[in-house]
Protein backbone atom coordinates (compact mmCIF):
# COMPACT_ATOMS: atom_id res chain seq x y z
CA MET A 1 -40.64 -42.07 27.94
CA THR A 2 -43.61 -41.17 30.20
CA SER A 3 -46.70 -39.75 28.77
CA LEU A 4 -46.19 -36.20 30.34
CA THR A 5 -42.74 -36.19 28.90
CA SER A 6 -43.95 -37.12 25.37
CA SER A 7 -46.91 -34.31 25.68
CA ALA A 8 -44.86 -31.66 27.28
CA ARG A 9 -44.47 -28.43 25.36
CA ARG A 10 -41.09 -26.42 25.75
CA VAL A 11 -41.89 -23.15 27.59
CA TRP A 12 -38.48 -21.84 28.51
CA LYS A 13 -35.36 -21.53 26.02
CA SER A 14 -32.75 -19.78 28.48
CA ALA A 15 -32.12 -18.64 32.06
CA GLN A 16 -29.68 -16.08 32.95
CA LEU A 17 -28.74 -14.63 36.59
CA PHE A 18 -28.15 -11.06 36.91
CA VAL A 19 -27.30 -8.69 39.63
CA GLY A 20 -28.63 -5.16 39.62
CA PHE A 21 -26.55 -2.32 41.54
CA HIS A 22 -28.74 0.64 42.12
CA ARG A 23 -26.05 2.67 43.76
CA ASP A 24 -22.40 3.40 42.22
CA PRO A 25 -19.36 2.64 44.01
CA LYS A 26 -19.50 5.94 45.86
CA GLY A 27 -22.95 5.25 47.05
CA GLN A 28 -24.77 7.43 45.05
CA ALA A 29 -28.31 6.44 43.60
CA ARG A 30 -28.30 5.39 39.69
CA ASP A 31 -31.16 6.67 37.46
CA ILE A 32 -30.70 3.16 35.86
CA PRO A 33 -29.44 0.08 37.63
CA HIS A 34 -25.99 -1.40 36.40
CA VAL A 35 -26.80 -4.89 35.44
CA TRP A 36 -24.22 -7.55 35.69
CA PRO A 37 -24.24 -11.23 35.11
CA PRO A 38 -21.92 -12.98 37.75
CA LYS A 39 -19.35 -15.15 36.33
CA ASP A 40 -19.47 -17.88 38.74
CA GLY A 41 -23.42 -18.24 38.53
CA ARG A 42 -23.87 -17.15 42.23
CA ALA A 43 -25.48 -13.85 43.52
CA SER A 44 -26.09 -13.01 47.18
CA ILE A 45 -29.55 -11.68 48.24
CA HIS A 46 -28.81 -7.88 49.61
CA PRO A 47 -30.85 -7.05 52.52
CA ASP A 48 -32.02 -3.87 50.93
CA PRO A 49 -33.29 -4.38 47.35
CA ASN A 50 -33.20 -0.50 46.87
CA GLN A 51 -29.52 -0.76 46.77
CA GLN A 52 -28.67 -4.30 45.01
CA GLU A 53 -31.07 -6.97 43.76
CA SER A 54 -30.66 -10.56 42.34
CA PHE A 55 -32.92 -11.93 39.31
CA VAL A 56 -33.31 -14.46 37.01
CA GLU A 57 -34.52 -13.78 33.44
CA LEU A 58 -36.24 -16.62 31.71
CA GLN A 59 -36.52 -16.28 27.76
CA SER A 60 -39.72 -17.94 26.40
CA ALA A 61 -39.13 -20.72 23.77
CA ASP A 62 -41.59 -19.28 21.19
CA GLY A 63 -39.61 -16.11 21.19
CA ASP A 64 -42.55 -13.89 22.46
CA SER A 65 -40.90 -11.34 24.85
CA THR A 66 -44.27 -10.73 26.61
CA GLN A 67 -44.03 -14.32 27.90
CA ASP A 68 -40.41 -13.91 29.29
CA VAL A 69 -40.45 -14.00 33.04
CA GLN A 70 -38.28 -12.21 35.38
CA ILE A 71 -37.93 -13.87 38.72
CA ARG A 72 -36.73 -11.44 41.58
CA LEU A 73 -35.00 -12.84 44.67
CA ARG A 74 -35.59 -10.71 47.69
CA PRO A 75 -34.70 -11.29 51.35
CA ASP A 76 -38.43 -11.77 52.34
CA LYS A 77 -40.19 -12.90 49.20
CA ILE A 78 -39.83 -14.12 45.59
CA VAL A 79 -41.62 -12.29 42.87
CA LEU A 80 -42.37 -13.59 39.43
CA ARG A 81 -43.21 -10.90 36.66
CA ARG A 82 -44.03 -10.63 33.08
CA ASP A 83 -45.62 -8.24 30.46
CA ALA A 84 -48.50 -10.47 29.18
CA LYS A 85 -51.82 -8.68 29.74
CA ASP A 86 -54.02 -11.66 28.56
CA ALA A 87 -52.63 -13.93 31.40
CA TRP A 88 -50.99 -13.96 34.84
CA GLU A 89 -48.84 -10.76 35.31
CA GLY A 90 -46.91 -11.47 38.65
CA VAL A 91 -46.63 -14.07 41.29
CA MET A 92 -45.37 -13.02 44.93
CA ILE A 93 -44.19 -15.79 47.27
CA ASP A 94 -43.77 -14.76 50.97
CA GLU A 95 -43.86 -16.54 54.21
CA HIS A 96 -47.53 -15.50 54.63
CA ALA A 97 -49.17 -15.98 51.24
CA VAL A 98 -48.85 -16.98 47.44
CA THR A 99 -50.55 -14.11 45.48
CA VAL A 100 -51.18 -14.13 41.87
CA LYS A 101 -51.88 -11.09 39.84
CA VAL A 102 -54.27 -11.50 36.78
CA GLY A 103 -55.63 -8.36 35.00
CA ASP A 104 -57.19 -5.98 37.62
CA ALA A 105 -57.56 -8.70 40.28
CA SER A 106 -55.21 -10.46 42.75
CA ILE A 107 -55.90 -13.71 44.36
CA SER A 108 -54.07 -14.77 47.50
CA VAL A 109 -53.88 -18.23 49.17
CA ASN A 110 -52.89 -17.29 52.77
CA GLN A 111 -50.98 -19.40 55.24
CA ASP A 112 -53.96 -20.47 57.16
CA GLY A 113 -55.51 -21.84 53.81
CA SER A 114 -58.13 -18.99 53.25
CA VAL A 115 -58.24 -17.32 50.10
CA THR A 116 -58.35 -13.43 49.56
CA ARG A 117 -59.44 -11.59 46.20
CA ARG A 118 -58.74 -7.97 45.63
CA ARG A 119 -59.58 -5.75 42.61
CA TRP A 120 -57.32 -2.84 41.45
């Protein structure tokens, strides 16, 4: 066992893949998306996330739901979000940058290596 393995703390307890349908079979917008866990563990990434989106719910090992993380899989980016107000709240990864939102600030590491900081 390596020192990293022996000192590592379990952070996640479970992961579940879901597909959220924002429109009914007739094409009408839903107020609340119909969420479905695919039986085969595979989900396509729809080109329009306003119609359908795929996401993974990670449940924290300590049982604190504010530490749960949702990973949204979009055709142009990956978004991680959680409800923790005392730590990072979101991470967005696209082809141009990696951006982390903490409190009222966001910090981006851009594709050219430059760093941008914005306050909300």
